Amino acid sequence: MGEIAIIITRTFVLYFIILVIFRLMGKREIGELSILDLVVFIMIAELAVVGIEDAKDPLFHTVLPMVILMIIQIGLAYISFKNKKIRNLLDGKPTVVINKGEIDEAAMKHQRYNLDDLLMQLREKDIKNVADVEFAILEPSGKLSVLQKDKNKKNKDKPETSHLPLIMDGVIQEENLYKIGKTNLWLRQQLRKLGYKEIKNITFCSFSKNGSFHIDLNDDQ
């Protein structure tokens, strides 16, 4: 009976410790968890199971590795927030799999993402025709973000300007500029007209369909 009471107590204690750890690690939806998040969560869960089953082992031996994993996770999250290259390395980066109604098979192959998966996710968004898609972006979490073509636009030969990010963490996204038919020089000239001379001070910049920029500056500036 004593051993059962110990197991029950350890279960309650570890349950609340895990709740606190996950709260400290931040809020993210299950579908938005990165590979790194999943690895940490699985390791913490395995540690908790072992800690509950082995009632003779001091609880501290289970809690300490959990705390270390939490510190590692929070530290890497902070570093990746400050450095886009690290973020891409840890979380991966979005991949455009449909560009102006055309499927990018090379990008899909690189991500090991097949046509059945693509069509299924398009159907979930009530999109039946690939030609109706301006851009489809496969997020690092595996979620598909879709921007549909404007069916009511008057000039169908004119490329539609998307909301793809043009600057992220002070770095110009050359690939996205190319996709909307603009150049690095054009972007710098437009930003100078608006009074933004230092690209590195811009955290995020996108260009809307009506010709206006959305710009967020680095809070440290």
N, C-alpha and C. Protein backbone atom coordinates (compact mmCIF):
# COMPACT_ATOMS: atom_id res chain seq x y z
N MET A 1 0.84 -1.22 0.00
CA MET A 1 0.00 0.00 0.00
C MET A 1 0.87 1.26 0.00
N GLY A 2 2.02 1.18 0.74
CA GLY A 2 2.92 2.31 0.80
C GLY A 2 3.49 2.67 -0.54
N GLU A 3 3.84 1.65 -1.35
CA GLU A 3 4.42 1.90 -2.68
C GLU A 3 3.40 2.53 -3.61
N ILE A 4 2.14 2.12 -3.49
CA ILE A 4 1.08 2.70 -4.32
C ILE A 4 0.89 4.18 -3.98
N ALA A 5 0.96 4.49 -2.69
CA ALA A 5 0.81 5.89 -2.26
C ALA A 5 1.95 6.73 -2.81
N ILE A 6 3.17 6.16 -2.83
CA ILE A 6 4.33 6.88 -3.37
C ILE A 6 4.14 7.16 -4.86
N ILE A 7 3.67 6.15 -5.58
CA ILE A 7 3.45 6.31 -7.03
C ILE A 7 2.41 7.39 -7.30
N ILE A 8 1.32 7.37 -6.53
CA ILE A 8 0.26 8.38 -6.71
C ILE A 8 0.81 9.78 -6.43
N THR A 9 1.59 9.91 -5.34
CA THR A 9 2.16 11.20 -4.99
C THR A 9 3.11 11.70 -6.06
N ARG A 10 3.99 10.81 -6.54
CA ARG A 10 4.95 11.20 -7.58
C ARG A 10 4.23 11.59 -8.87
N THR A 11 3.13 10.91 -9.16
CA THR A 11 2.35 11.23 -10.36
C THR A 11 1.79 12.64 -10.28
N PHE A 12 1.20 12.99 -9.13
CA PHE A 12 0.65 14.34 -8.95
C PHE A 12 1.75 15.39 -9.03
N VAL A 13 2.86 15.13 -8.33
CA VAL A 13 3.96 16.10 -8.31
C VAL A 13 4.51 16.33 -9.72
N LEU A 14 4.78 15.24 -10.45
CA LEU A 14 5.34 15.37 -11.80
C LEU A 14 4.35 16.01 -12.76
N TYR A 15 3.08 15.73 -12.56
CA TYR A 15 2.05 16.33 -13.41
C TYR A 15 2.10 17.86 -13.31
N PHE A 16 2.14 18.38 -12.11
CA PHE A 16 2.15 19.83 -11.92
C PHE A 16 3.49 20.44 -12.33
N ILE A 17 4.57 19.70 -12.13
CA ILE A 17 5.88 20.19 -12.58
C ILE A 17 5.90 20.32 -14.10
N ILE A 18 5.36 19.33 -14.80
CA ILE A 18 5.31 19.37 -16.26
C ILE A 18 4.42 20.52 -16.74
N LEU A 19 3.30 20.74 -16.06
CA LEU A 19 2.44 21.88 -16.41
C LEU A 19 3.21 23.20 -16.32
N VAL A 20 3.95 23.37 -15.24
CA VAL A 20 4.72 24.60 -15.05
C VAL A 20 5.79 24.74 -16.13
N ILE A 21 6.49 23.64 -16.42
CA ILE A 21 7.54 23.66 -17.44
C ILE A 21 6.97 24.05 -18.81
N PHE A 22 5.85 23.44 -19.19
CA PHE A 22 5.26 23.73 -20.50
C PHE A 22 4.75 25.17 -20.57
N ARG A 23 4.25 25.68 -19.44
CA ARG A 23 3.80 27.08 -19.43
C ARG A 23 4.98 28.02 -19.61
N LEU A 24 6.09 27.71 -18.97
CA LEU A 24 7.29 28.54 -19.08
C LEU A 24 7.90 28.48 -20.47
N MET A 25 7.69 27.37 -21.16
CA MET A 25 8.25 27.21 -22.50
C MET A 25 7.45 27.94 -23.56
N GLY A 26 6.26 28.48 -23.18
CA GLY A 26 5.49 29.29 -24.13
C GLY A 26 4.29 28.55 -24.69
N LYS A 27 3.39 29.33 -25.30
CA LYS A 27 2.16 28.79 -25.85
C LYS A 27 2.29 28.58 -27.36
N ARG A 28 2.07 27.35 -27.77
CA ARG A 28 2.03 27.05 -29.20
C ARG A 28 1.00 25.97 -29.43
N GLU A 29 0.26 26.09 -30.53
CA GLU A 29 -0.71 25.07 -30.87
C GLU A 29 0.01 23.78 -31.26
N ILE A 30 -0.68 22.65 -31.05
CA ILE A 30 -0.08 21.36 -31.36
C ILE A 30 0.38 21.30 -32.81
N GLY A 31 -0.43 21.85 -33.72
CA GLY A 31 -0.09 21.82 -35.14
C GLY A 31 1.05 22.73 -35.52
N GLU A 32 1.48 23.62 -34.58
CA GLU A 32 2.55 24.56 -34.87
C GLU A 32 3.85 24.20 -34.17
N LEU A 33 3.89 23.04 -33.52
CA LEU A 33 5.11 22.63 -32.83
C LEU A 33 6.20 22.29 -33.83
N SER A 34 7.41 22.75 -33.54
CA SER A 34 8.56 22.43 -34.38
C SER A 34 9.10 21.06 -33.99
N ILE A 35 10.04 20.57 -34.80
CA ILE A 35 10.68 19.30 -34.49
C ILE A 35 11.37 19.37 -33.13
N LEU A 36 12.00 20.51 -32.87
CA LEU A 36 12.70 20.69 -31.59
C LEU A 36 11.72 20.63 -30.43
N ASP A 37 10.55 21.26 -30.58
CA ASP A 37 9.53 21.21 -29.53
C ASP A 37 9.10 19.78 -29.26
N LEU A 38 8.84 19.03 -30.33
CA LEU A 38 8.37 17.66 -30.19
C LEU A 38 9.41 16.79 -29.48
N VAL A 39 10.68 16.97 -29.84
CA VAL A 39 11.75 16.19 -29.21
C VAL A 39 11.80 16.46 -27.71
N VAL A 40 11.73 17.74 -27.33
CA VAL A 40 11.78 18.11 -25.92
C VAL A 40 10.57 17.57 -25.18
N PHE A 41 9.38 17.69 -25.78
CA PHE A 41 8.16 17.21 -25.12
C PHE A 41 8.20 15.69 -24.92
N ILE A 42 8.68 14.97 -25.94
CA ILE A 42 8.77 13.51 -25.83
C ILE A 42 9.77 13.10 -24.74
N MET A 43 10.91 13.79 -24.70
CA MET A 43 11.93 13.48 -23.70
C MET A 43 11.40 13.74 -22.29
N ILE A 44 10.69 14.86 -22.10
CA ILE A 44 10.13 15.17 -20.79
C ILE A 44 9.08 14.13 -20.39
N ALA A 45 8.26 13.72 -21.36
CA ALA A 45 7.25 12.70 -21.08
C ALA A 45 7.89 11.37 -20.69
N GLU A 46 8.96 10.98 -21.39
CA GLU A 46 9.66 9.74 -21.05
C GLU A 46 10.28 9.81 -19.66
N LEU A 47 10.86 10.95 -19.33
CA LEU A 47 11.45 11.13 -18.00
C LEU A 47 10.38 11.00 -16.92
N ALA A 48 9.21 11.58 -17.19
CA ALA A 48 8.11 11.52 -16.22
C ALA A 48 7.66 10.08 -16.00
N VAL A 49 7.55 9.31 -17.07
CA VAL A 49 7.12 7.90 -16.96
C VAL A 49 8.11 7.10 -16.13
N VAL A 50 9.40 7.29 -16.42
CA VAL A 50 10.43 6.58 -15.67
C VAL A 50 10.41 6.99 -14.20
N GLY A 51 10.23 8.30 -13.96
CA GLY A 51 10.19 8.80 -12.59
C GLY A 51 9.02 8.26 -11.80
N ILE A 52 7.89 8.01 -12.45
CA ILE A 52 6.71 7.46 -11.77
C ILE A 52 6.89 5.96 -11.51
N GLU A 53 7.44 5.24 -12.48
CA GLU A 53 7.58 3.80 -12.35
C GLU A 53 8.63 3.41 -11.32
N ASP A 54 9.74 4.15 -11.28
CA ASP A 54 10.83 3.82 -10.36
C ASP A 54 10.66 4.61 -9.07
N ALA A 55 9.86 4.07 -8.17
CA ALA A 55 9.53 4.78 -6.93
C ALA A 55 10.72 4.89 -5.98
N LYS A 56 11.75 4.05 -6.16
CA LYS A 56 12.90 4.07 -5.28
C LYS A 56 13.92 5.14 -5.66
N ASP A 57 13.88 5.57 -6.90
CA ASP A 57 14.82 6.59 -7.35
C ASP A 57 14.37 7.96 -6.86
N PRO A 58 15.28 8.78 -6.32
CA PRO A 58 14.89 10.11 -5.83
C PRO A 58 14.21 10.94 -6.93
N LEU A 59 13.15 11.63 -6.56
CA LEU A 59 12.39 12.42 -7.53
C LEU A 59 13.26 13.50 -8.16
N PHE A 60 14.25 13.97 -7.43
CA PHE A 60 15.16 15.01 -7.93
C PHE A 60 15.87 14.55 -9.20
N HIS A 61 16.18 13.25 -9.29
CA HIS A 61 16.87 12.71 -10.47
C HIS A 61 16.00 12.78 -11.73
N THR A 62 14.70 12.89 -11.53
CA THR A 62 13.78 13.04 -12.67
C THR A 62 13.53 14.51 -12.98
N VAL A 63 13.38 15.32 -11.94
CA VAL A 63 13.05 16.73 -12.13
C VAL A 63 14.22 17.50 -12.73
N LEU A 64 15.45 17.20 -12.31
CA LEU A 64 16.62 17.95 -12.78
C LEU A 64 16.78 17.89 -14.30
N PRO A 65 16.73 16.69 -14.94
CA PRO A 65 16.83 16.67 -16.42
C PRO A 65 15.69 17.45 -17.09
N MET A 66 14.49 17.42 -16.48
CA MET A 66 13.37 18.18 -17.05
C MET A 66 13.68 19.67 -17.06
N VAL A 67 14.21 20.17 -15.94
CA VAL A 67 14.54 21.58 -15.83
C VAL A 67 15.65 21.95 -16.82
N ILE A 68 16.64 21.06 -16.96
CA ILE A 68 17.73 21.31 -17.93
C ILE A 68 17.18 21.40 -19.34
N LEU A 69 16.27 20.49 -19.70
CA LEU A 69 15.65 20.52 -21.04
C LEU A 69 14.86 21.82 -21.23
N MET A 70 14.16 22.25 -20.20
CA MET A 70 13.41 23.51 -20.28
C MET A 70 14.34 24.69 -20.53
N ILE A 71 15.46 24.72 -19.80
CA ILE A 71 16.43 25.82 -19.97
C ILE A 71 17.01 25.81 -21.38
N ILE A 72 17.34 24.61 -21.88
CA ILE A 72 17.87 24.50 -23.25
C ILE A 72 16.85 25.01 -24.26
N GLN A 73 15.59 24.60 -24.08
CA GLN A 73 14.53 24.98 -25.02
C GLN A 73 14.31 26.49 -25.02
N ILE A 74 14.23 27.09 -23.82
CA ILE A 74 14.02 28.53 -23.72
C ILE A 74 15.21 29.29 -24.29
N GLY A 75 16.43 28.79 -24.02
CA GLY A 75 17.63 29.44 -24.54
C GLY A 75 17.68 29.41 -26.05
N LEU A 76 17.38 28.25 -26.66
CA LEU A 76 17.38 28.14 -28.12
C LEU A 76 16.27 28.98 -28.74
N ALA A 77 15.12 29.06 -28.05
CA ALA A 77 14.02 29.89 -28.56
C ALA A 77 14.42 31.36 -28.58
N TYR A 78 15.14 31.80 -27.55
CA TYR A 78 15.58 33.20 -27.50
C TYR A 78 16.60 33.48 -28.60
N ILE A 79 17.56 32.55 -28.78
CA ILE A 79 18.58 32.73 -29.81
C ILE A 79 17.96 32.75 -31.20
N SER A 80 17.03 31.83 -31.45
CA SER A 80 16.39 31.76 -32.77
C SER A 80 15.52 32.98 -33.03
N PHE A 81 14.96 33.57 -31.96
CA PHE A 81 14.16 34.79 -32.13
C PHE A 81 15.03 35.95 -32.61
N LYS A 82 16.28 35.97 -32.15
CA LYS A 82 17.20 37.05 -32.50
C LYS A 82 17.93 36.81 -33.82
N ASN A 83 18.04 35.54 -34.23
CA ASN A 83 18.86 35.20 -35.39
C ASN A 83 18.07 34.32 -36.36
N LYS A 84 17.77 34.85 -37.53
CA LYS A 84 16.95 34.11 -38.50
C LYS A 84 17.65 32.85 -39.01
N LYS A 85 18.98 32.90 -39.17
CA LYS A 85 19.71 31.73 -39.65
C LYS A 85 19.58 30.57 -38.67
N ILE A 86 19.70 30.89 -37.38
CA ILE A 86 19.53 29.86 -36.35
C ILE A 86 18.10 29.34 -36.35
N ARG A 87 17.14 30.26 -36.53
CA ARG A 87 15.73 29.86 -36.55
C ARG A 87 15.45 28.92 -37.72
N ASN A 88 16.00 29.24 -38.88
CA ASN A 88 15.82 28.35 -40.03
C ASN A 88 16.45 26.99 -39.80
N LEU A 89 17.60 27.00 -39.11
CA LEU A 89 18.30 25.74 -38.84
C LEU A 89 17.51 24.87 -37.88
N LEU A 90 16.94 25.49 -36.84
CA LEU A 90 16.22 24.73 -35.82
C LEU A 90 14.80 24.37 -36.24
N ASP A 91 14.09 25.34 -36.80
CA ASP A 91 12.67 25.14 -37.11
C ASP A 91 12.40 24.84 -38.58
N GLY A 92 13.39 25.12 -39.45
CA GLY A 92 13.13 25.03 -40.88
C GLY A 92 12.51 26.33 -41.36
N LYS A 93 12.32 26.47 -42.66
CA LYS A 93 11.73 27.69 -43.19
C LYS A 93 10.59 27.35 -44.14
N PRO A 94 9.65 28.29 -44.32
CA PRO A 94 8.52 28.04 -45.22
C PRO A 94 8.98 27.78 -46.65
N THR A 95 8.23 26.94 -47.34
CA THR A 95 8.56 26.59 -48.72
C THR A 95 7.36 26.85 -49.62
N VAL A 96 7.57 27.60 -50.69
CA VAL A 96 6.50 27.86 -51.65
C VAL A 96 6.34 26.62 -52.55
N VAL A 97 5.19 25.97 -52.47
CA VAL A 97 4.95 24.76 -53.27
C VAL A 97 4.04 25.03 -54.46
N ILE A 98 3.31 26.16 -54.43
CA ILE A 98 2.53 26.59 -55.60
C ILE A 98 2.82 28.06 -55.83
N ASN A 99 3.24 28.39 -57.03
CA ASN A 99 3.58 29.76 -57.38
C ASN A 99 2.77 30.17 -58.60
N LYS A 100 1.80 31.08 -58.37
CA LYS A 100 0.92 31.58 -59.44
C LYS A 100 0.25 30.43 -60.20
N GLY A 101 -0.29 29.48 -59.43
CA GLY A 101 -1.05 28.38 -60.02
C GLY A 101 -0.20 27.24 -60.53
N GLU A 102 1.11 27.34 -60.44
CA GLU A 102 2.00 26.29 -60.91
C GLU A 102 2.65 25.56 -59.73
N ILE A 103 2.55 24.23 -59.73
CA ILE A 103 3.13 23.43 -58.65
C ILE A 103 4.65 23.36 -58.82
N ASP A 104 5.36 23.64 -57.76
CA ASP A 104 6.82 23.56 -57.77
C ASP A 104 7.21 22.15 -57.31
N GLU A 105 7.40 21.27 -58.27
CA GLU A 105 7.68 19.87 -57.95
C GLU A 105 9.03 19.69 -57.26
N ALA A 106 10.01 20.52 -57.63
CA ALA A 106 11.33 20.42 -57.01
C ALA A 106 11.26 20.75 -55.53
N ALA A 107 10.50 21.80 -55.19
CA ALA A 107 10.35 22.19 -53.79
C ALA A 107 9.62 21.11 -53.01
N MET A 108 8.60 20.51 -53.62
CA MET A 108 7.85 19.45 -52.95
C MET A 108 8.73 18.22 -52.72
N LYS A 109 9.54 17.88 -53.71
CA LYS A 109 10.43 16.74 -53.57
C LYS A 109 11.45 16.97 -52.48
N HIS A 110 11.96 18.19 -52.40
CA HIS A 110 12.95 18.52 -51.38
C HIS A 110 12.36 18.39 -49.97
N GLN A 111 11.08 18.71 -49.83
CA GLN A 111 10.40 18.63 -48.53
C GLN A 111 9.76 17.26 -48.30
N ARG A 112 9.93 16.34 -49.27
CA ARG A 112 9.31 15.01 -49.20
C ARG A 112 7.80 15.15 -48.96
N TYR A 113 7.21 16.03 -49.75
CA TYR A 113 5.79 16.38 -49.64
C TYR A 113 5.14 16.00 -50.96
N ASN A 114 4.22 15.03 -50.94
CA ASN A 114 3.70 14.50 -52.21
C ASN A 114 2.40 15.21 -52.64
N LEU A 115 2.00 14.91 -53.85
CA LEU A 115 0.85 15.57 -54.45
C LEU A 115 -0.44 15.24 -53.70
N ASP A 116 -0.56 14.02 -53.20
CA ASP A 116 -1.76 13.64 -52.45
C ASP A 116 -1.92 14.51 -51.21
N ASP A 117 -0.80 14.75 -50.51
CA ASP A 117 -0.84 15.62 -49.32
C ASP A 117 -1.27 17.03 -49.70
N LEU A 118 -0.72 17.53 -50.80
CA LEU A 118 -1.05 18.88 -51.25
C LEU A 118 -2.53 19.02 -51.58
N LEU A 119 -3.04 18.11 -52.37
CA LEU A 119 -4.44 18.18 -52.79
C LEU A 119 -5.38 18.00 -51.60
N MET A 120 -5.00 17.14 -50.66
CA MET A 120 -5.84 16.94 -49.48
C MET A 120 -5.94 18.23 -48.67
N GLN A 121 -4.81 18.90 -48.48
CA GLN A 121 -4.83 20.14 -47.70
C GLN A 121 -5.54 21.27 -48.44
N LEU A 122 -5.47 21.25 -49.76
CA LEU A 122 -6.23 22.23 -50.54
C LEU A 122 -7.73 21.98 -50.41
N ARG A 123 -8.13 20.71 -50.44
CA ARG A 123 -9.55 20.37 -50.29
C ARG A 123 -10.06 20.78 -48.92
N GLU A 124 -9.21 20.66 -47.90
CA GLU A 124 -9.60 21.07 -46.55
C GLU A 124 -9.89 22.55 -46.49
N LYS A 125 -9.29 23.32 -47.40
CA LYS A 125 -9.52 24.76 -47.47
C LYS A 125 -10.56 25.10 -48.55
N ASP A 126 -11.25 24.05 -49.03
CA ASP A 126 -12.31 24.21 -50.03
C ASP A 126 -11.79 24.80 -51.34
N ILE A 127 -10.58 24.39 -51.72
CA ILE A 127 -9.98 24.80 -52.99
C ILE A 127 -9.89 23.57 -53.88
N LYS A 128 -10.58 23.59 -54.99
CA LYS A 128 -10.66 22.42 -55.85
C LYS A 128 -9.70 22.49 -57.04
N ASN A 129 -9.30 23.70 -57.39
CA ASN A 129 -8.47 23.88 -58.57
C ASN A 129 -7.15 24.53 -58.20
N VAL A 130 -6.04 23.88 -58.52
CA VAL A 130 -4.72 24.42 -58.23
C VAL A 130 -4.51 25.75 -58.94
N ALA A 131 -5.13 25.92 -60.09
CA ALA A 131 -4.98 27.15 -60.87
C ALA A 131 -5.56 28.37 -60.15
N ASP A 132 -6.42 28.14 -59.14
CA ASP A 132 -7.01 29.25 -58.39
C ASP A 132 -6.08 29.75 -57.28
N VAL A 133 -4.93 29.09 -57.13
CA VAL A 133 -4.02 29.43 -56.03
C VAL A 133 -2.91 30.36 -56.53
N GLU A 134 -2.76 31.52 -55.89
CA GLU A 134 -1.67 32.42 -56.22
C GLU A 134 -0.37 31.90 -55.60
N PHE A 135 -0.42 31.65 -54.29
CA PHE A 135 0.72 31.06 -53.60
C PHE A 135 0.22 30.05 -52.57
N ALA A 136 0.91 28.94 -52.45
CA ALA A 136 0.67 27.99 -51.36
C ALA A 136 2.02 27.76 -50.70
N ILE A 137 2.06 27.99 -49.40
CA ILE A 137 3.31 27.94 -48.66
C ILE A 137 3.24 26.84 -47.61
N LEU A 138 4.17 25.91 -47.68
CA LEU A 138 4.25 24.84 -46.69
C LEU A 138 5.06 25.35 -45.51
N GLU A 139 4.38 25.51 -44.37
CA GLU A 139 5.03 26.03 -43.18
C GLU A 139 5.91 24.96 -42.52
N PRO A 140 6.88 25.37 -41.69
CA PRO A 140 7.74 24.40 -41.00
C PRO A 140 6.96 23.40 -40.17
N SER A 141 5.77 23.79 -39.69
CA SER A 141 4.95 22.88 -38.88
C SER A 141 4.23 21.84 -39.73
N GLY A 142 4.26 21.99 -41.07
CA GLY A 142 3.53 21.09 -41.96
C GLY A 142 2.19 21.65 -42.39
N LYS A 143 1.80 22.79 -41.84
CA LYS A 143 0.55 23.44 -42.21
C LYS A 143 0.71 24.14 -43.56
N LEU A 144 -0.34 24.10 -44.38
CA LEU A 144 -0.31 24.74 -45.69
C LEU A 144 -1.05 26.07 -45.62
N SER A 145 -0.34 27.17 -45.92
CA SER A 145 -0.95 28.49 -46.00
C SER A 145 -1.20 28.82 -47.47
N VAL A 146 -2.43 29.26 -47.76
CA VAL A 146 -2.82 29.46 -49.16
C VAL A 146 -3.32 30.87 -49.39
N LEU A 147 -2.82 31.49 -50.45
CA LEU A 147 -3.32 32.78 -50.91
C LEU A 147 -3.95 32.56 -52.28
N GLN A 148 -5.28 32.75 -52.36
CA GLN A 148 -5.98 32.52 -53.62
C GLN A 148 -5.87 33.73 -54.55
N LYS A 149 -6.04 33.46 -55.84
CA LYS A 149 -6.03 34.53 -56.82
C LYS A 149 -7.29 35.36 -56.67
N ASP A 150 -7.17 36.65 -57.03
CA ASP A 150 -8.31 37.55 -57.00
C ASP A 150 -9.11 37.35 -58.28
N LYS A 151 -10.25 36.70 -58.15
CA LYS A 151 -11.07 36.38 -59.33
C LYS A 151 -11.74 37.62 -59.92
N ASN A 152 -11.80 38.68 -59.15
CA ASN A 152 -12.51 39.88 -59.61
C ASN A 152 -11.60 40.97 -60.17
N LYS A 153 -10.29 40.68 -60.20
CA LYS A 153 -9.39 41.74 -60.69
C LYS A 153 -9.62 41.97 -62.18
N LYS A 154 -9.52 43.22 -62.58
CA LYS A 154 -9.83 43.58 -63.95
C LYS A 154 -8.74 43.16 -64.91
N ASN A 155 -7.50 43.43 -64.54
CA ASN A 155 -6.39 43.10 -65.43
C ASN A 155 -5.82 41.75 -65.06
N LYS A 156 -6.21 40.69 -65.75
CA LYS A 156 -5.79 39.35 -65.40
C LYS A 156 -4.38 39.06 -65.85
N ASP A 157 -3.81 39.91 -66.69
CA ASP A 157 -2.44 39.68 -67.15
C ASP A 157 -1.42 40.28 -66.19
N LYS A 158 -1.90 41.14 -65.29
CA LYS A 158 -0.99 41.79 -64.35
C LYS A 158 -0.79 40.91 -63.14
N PRO A 159 0.46 40.59 -62.77
CA PRO A 159 0.68 39.73 -61.62
C PRO A 159 0.14 40.37 -60.35
N GLU A 160 -0.47 39.53 -59.53
CA GLU A 160 -1.02 40.02 -58.27
C GLU A 160 0.08 40.14 -57.24
N THR A 161 0.12 41.27 -56.54
CA THR A 161 1.11 41.45 -55.49
C THR A 161 0.68 40.69 -54.25
N SER A 162 1.54 39.88 -53.72
CA SER A 162 1.20 39.02 -52.58
C SER A 162 1.61 39.67 -51.27
N HIS A 163 1.33 38.98 -50.20
CA HIS A 163 1.73 39.45 -48.89
C HIS A 163 2.93 38.66 -48.38
N LEU A 164 3.75 38.16 -49.27
CA LEU A 164 4.97 37.48 -48.85
C LEU A 164 5.90 38.48 -48.17
N PRO A 165 6.59 38.07 -47.12
CA PRO A 165 7.51 39.00 -46.46
C PRO A 165 8.68 39.36 -47.36
N LEU A 166 9.00 40.66 -47.42
CA LEU A 166 10.12 41.13 -48.23
C LEU A 166 11.37 41.34 -47.38
N ILE A 167 11.15 41.58 -46.08
CA ILE A 167 12.27 41.70 -45.13
C ILE A 167 11.91 40.95 -43.86
N MET A 168 12.83 40.15 -43.39
CA MET A 168 12.64 39.46 -42.11
C MET A 168 13.91 39.56 -41.30
N ASP A 169 13.78 40.10 -40.09
CA ASP A 169 14.93 40.25 -39.19
C ASP A 169 16.09 41.00 -39.84
N GLY A 170 15.75 42.05 -40.59
CA GLY A 170 16.79 42.89 -41.19
C GLY A 170 17.44 42.31 -42.44
N VAL A 171 16.89 41.23 -42.97
CA VAL A 171 17.47 40.58 -44.15
C VAL A 171 16.44 40.59 -45.28
N ILE A 172 16.83 41.11 -46.45
CA ILE A 172 15.94 41.15 -47.61
C ILE A 172 15.73 39.74 -48.16
N GLN A 173 14.47 39.39 -48.37
CA GLN A 173 14.12 38.06 -48.89
C GLN A 173 14.11 38.13 -50.42
N GLU A 174 15.26 37.87 -51.01
CA GLU A 174 15.42 38.00 -52.46
C GLU A 174 14.46 37.09 -53.23
N GLU A 175 14.25 35.90 -52.72
CA GLU A 175 13.37 34.94 -53.40
C GLU A 175 11.94 35.47 -53.49
N ASN A 176 11.46 36.09 -52.42
CA ASN A 176 10.11 36.64 -52.42
C ASN A 176 9.99 37.88 -53.29
N LEU A 177 11.05 38.69 -53.33
CA LEU A 177 11.06 39.83 -54.24
C LEU A 177 10.92 39.37 -55.69
N TYR A 178 11.64 38.32 -56.04
CA TYR A 178 11.58 37.77 -57.40
C TYR A 178 10.17 37.29 -57.73
N LYS A 179 9.52 36.70 -56.74
CA LYS A 179 8.18 36.14 -56.97
C LYS A 179 7.15 37.21 -57.28
N ILE A 180 7.34 38.43 -56.73
CA ILE A 180 6.38 39.50 -57.01
C ILE A 180 6.89 40.45 -58.10
N GLY A 181 7.99 40.07 -58.74
CA GLY A 181 8.49 40.84 -59.87
C GLY A 181 9.20 42.13 -59.51
N LYS A 182 9.77 42.19 -58.31
CA LYS A 182 10.49 43.38 -57.86
C LYS A 182 11.96 43.05 -57.62
N THR A 183 12.77 44.12 -57.44
CA THR A 183 14.20 43.93 -57.25
C THR A 183 14.65 44.51 -55.90
N ASN A 184 15.86 44.13 -55.53
CA ASN A 184 16.47 44.64 -54.29
C ASN A 184 16.57 46.16 -54.34
N LEU A 185 17.00 46.69 -55.49
CA LEU A 185 17.15 48.14 -55.66
C LEU A 185 15.81 48.84 -55.51
N TRP A 186 14.76 48.29 -56.12
CA TRP A 186 13.41 48.87 -56.02
C TRP A 186 12.98 48.95 -54.56
N LEU A 187 13.19 47.89 -53.81
CA LEU A 187 12.77 47.86 -52.41
C LEU A 187 13.51 48.92 -51.60
N ARG A 188 14.83 49.01 -51.79
CA ARG A 188 15.62 50.00 -51.04
C ARG A 188 15.19 51.42 -51.38
N GLN A 189 14.90 51.67 -52.66
CA GLN A 189 14.47 53.02 -53.07
C GLN A 189 13.13 53.38 -52.44
N GLN A 190 12.20 52.42 -52.44
CA GLN A 190 10.89 52.67 -51.85
C GLN A 190 10.98 52.93 -50.35
N LEU A 191 11.84 52.18 -49.68
CA LEU A 191 11.99 52.35 -48.23
C LEU A 191 12.65 53.68 -47.90
N ARG A 192 13.61 54.10 -48.74
CA ARG A 192 14.25 55.40 -48.51
C ARG A 192 13.24 56.53 -48.64
N LYS A 193 12.32 56.42 -49.60
CA LYS A 193 11.27 57.43 -49.77
C LYS A 193 10.40 57.53 -48.52
N LEU A 194 10.25 56.41 -47.84
CA LEU A 194 9.43 56.38 -46.63
C LEU A 194 10.23 56.73 -45.38
N GLY A 195 11.54 56.97 -45.56
CA GLY A 195 12.37 57.38 -44.44
C GLY A 195 13.11 56.26 -43.74
N TYR A 196 13.11 55.08 -44.35
CA TYR A 196 13.81 53.93 -43.75
C TYR A 196 15.12 53.70 -44.52
N LYS A 197 16.24 54.08 -43.90
CA LYS A 197 17.52 53.98 -44.58
C LYS A 197 18.29 52.70 -44.24
N GLU A 198 18.06 52.19 -43.03
CA GLU A 198 18.80 51.02 -42.58
C GLU A 198 17.91 49.77 -42.62
N ILE A 199 18.21 48.87 -43.55
CA ILE A 199 17.43 47.64 -43.67
C ILE A 199 17.52 46.81 -42.40
N LYS A 200 18.69 46.82 -41.76
CA LYS A 200 18.91 45.99 -40.57
C LYS A 200 18.01 46.39 -39.40
N ASN A 201 17.46 47.60 -39.44
CA ASN A 201 16.58 48.06 -38.36
C ASN A 201 15.13 47.61 -38.55
N ILE A 202 14.83 46.98 -39.69
CA ILE A 202 13.46 46.55 -39.99
C ILE A 202 13.30 45.08 -39.64
N THR A 203 12.39 44.80 -38.72
CA THR A 203 12.13 43.41 -38.33
C THR A 203 11.29 42.69 -39.38
N PHE A 204 10.26 43.39 -39.90
CA PHE A 204 9.36 42.76 -40.87
C PHE A 204 8.85 43.81 -41.85
N CYS A 205 8.79 43.42 -43.11
CA CYS A 205 8.26 44.32 -44.15
C CYS A 205 7.54 43.49 -45.21
N SER A 206 6.30 43.89 -45.51
CA SER A 206 5.56 43.25 -46.60
C SER A 206 4.92 44.34 -47.46
N PHE A 207 4.51 43.95 -48.67
CA PHE A 207 3.96 44.90 -49.64
C PHE A 207 2.56 44.44 -50.01
N SER A 208 1.55 45.29 -49.80
CA SER A 208 0.16 44.90 -50.02
C SER A 208 -0.28 45.16 -51.45
N LYS A 209 -1.45 44.65 -51.78
CA LYS A 209 -1.99 44.77 -53.13
C LYS A 209 -2.28 46.22 -53.52
N ASN A 210 -2.59 47.06 -52.53
CA ASN A 210 -2.92 48.45 -52.85
C ASN A 210 -1.69 49.35 -52.96
N GLY A 211 -0.49 48.74 -52.88
CA GLY A 211 0.74 49.50 -53.07
C GLY A 211 1.34 50.07 -51.80
N SER A 212 0.83 49.68 -50.64
CA SER A 212 1.36 50.20 -49.38
C SER A 212 2.22 49.15 -48.68
N PHE A 213 3.17 49.65 -47.90
CA PHE A 213 4.07 48.78 -47.14
C PHE A 213 3.56 48.61 -45.72
N HIS A 214 3.79 47.44 -45.18
CA HIS A 214 3.60 47.21 -43.76
C HIS A 214 4.98 46.97 -43.16
N ILE A 215 5.39 47.84 -42.23
CA ILE A 215 6.76 47.79 -41.71
C ILE A 215 6.75 47.78 -40.19
N ASP A 216 7.50 46.83 -39.63
CA ASP A 216 7.72 46.78 -38.18
C ASP A 216 9.20 46.97 -37.93
N LEU A 217 9.51 47.93 -37.07
CA LEU A 217 10.92 48.18 -36.74
C LEU A 217 11.37 47.34 -35.56
N ASN A 218 12.66 47.10 -35.50
CA ASN A 218 13.25 46.38 -34.38
C ASN A 218 13.06 47.21 -33.11
N ASP A 219 12.52 46.56 -32.07
CA ASP A 219 12.24 47.27 -30.82
C ASP A 219 13.50 47.78 -30.14
N ASP A 220 14.65 47.21 -30.48
CA ASP A 220 15.90 47.62 -29.86
C ASP A 220 16.43 48.93 -30.42
N GLN A 221 15.85 49.36 -31.56
CA GLN A 221 16.37 50.57 -32.23
C GLN A 221 15.74 51.82 -31.62
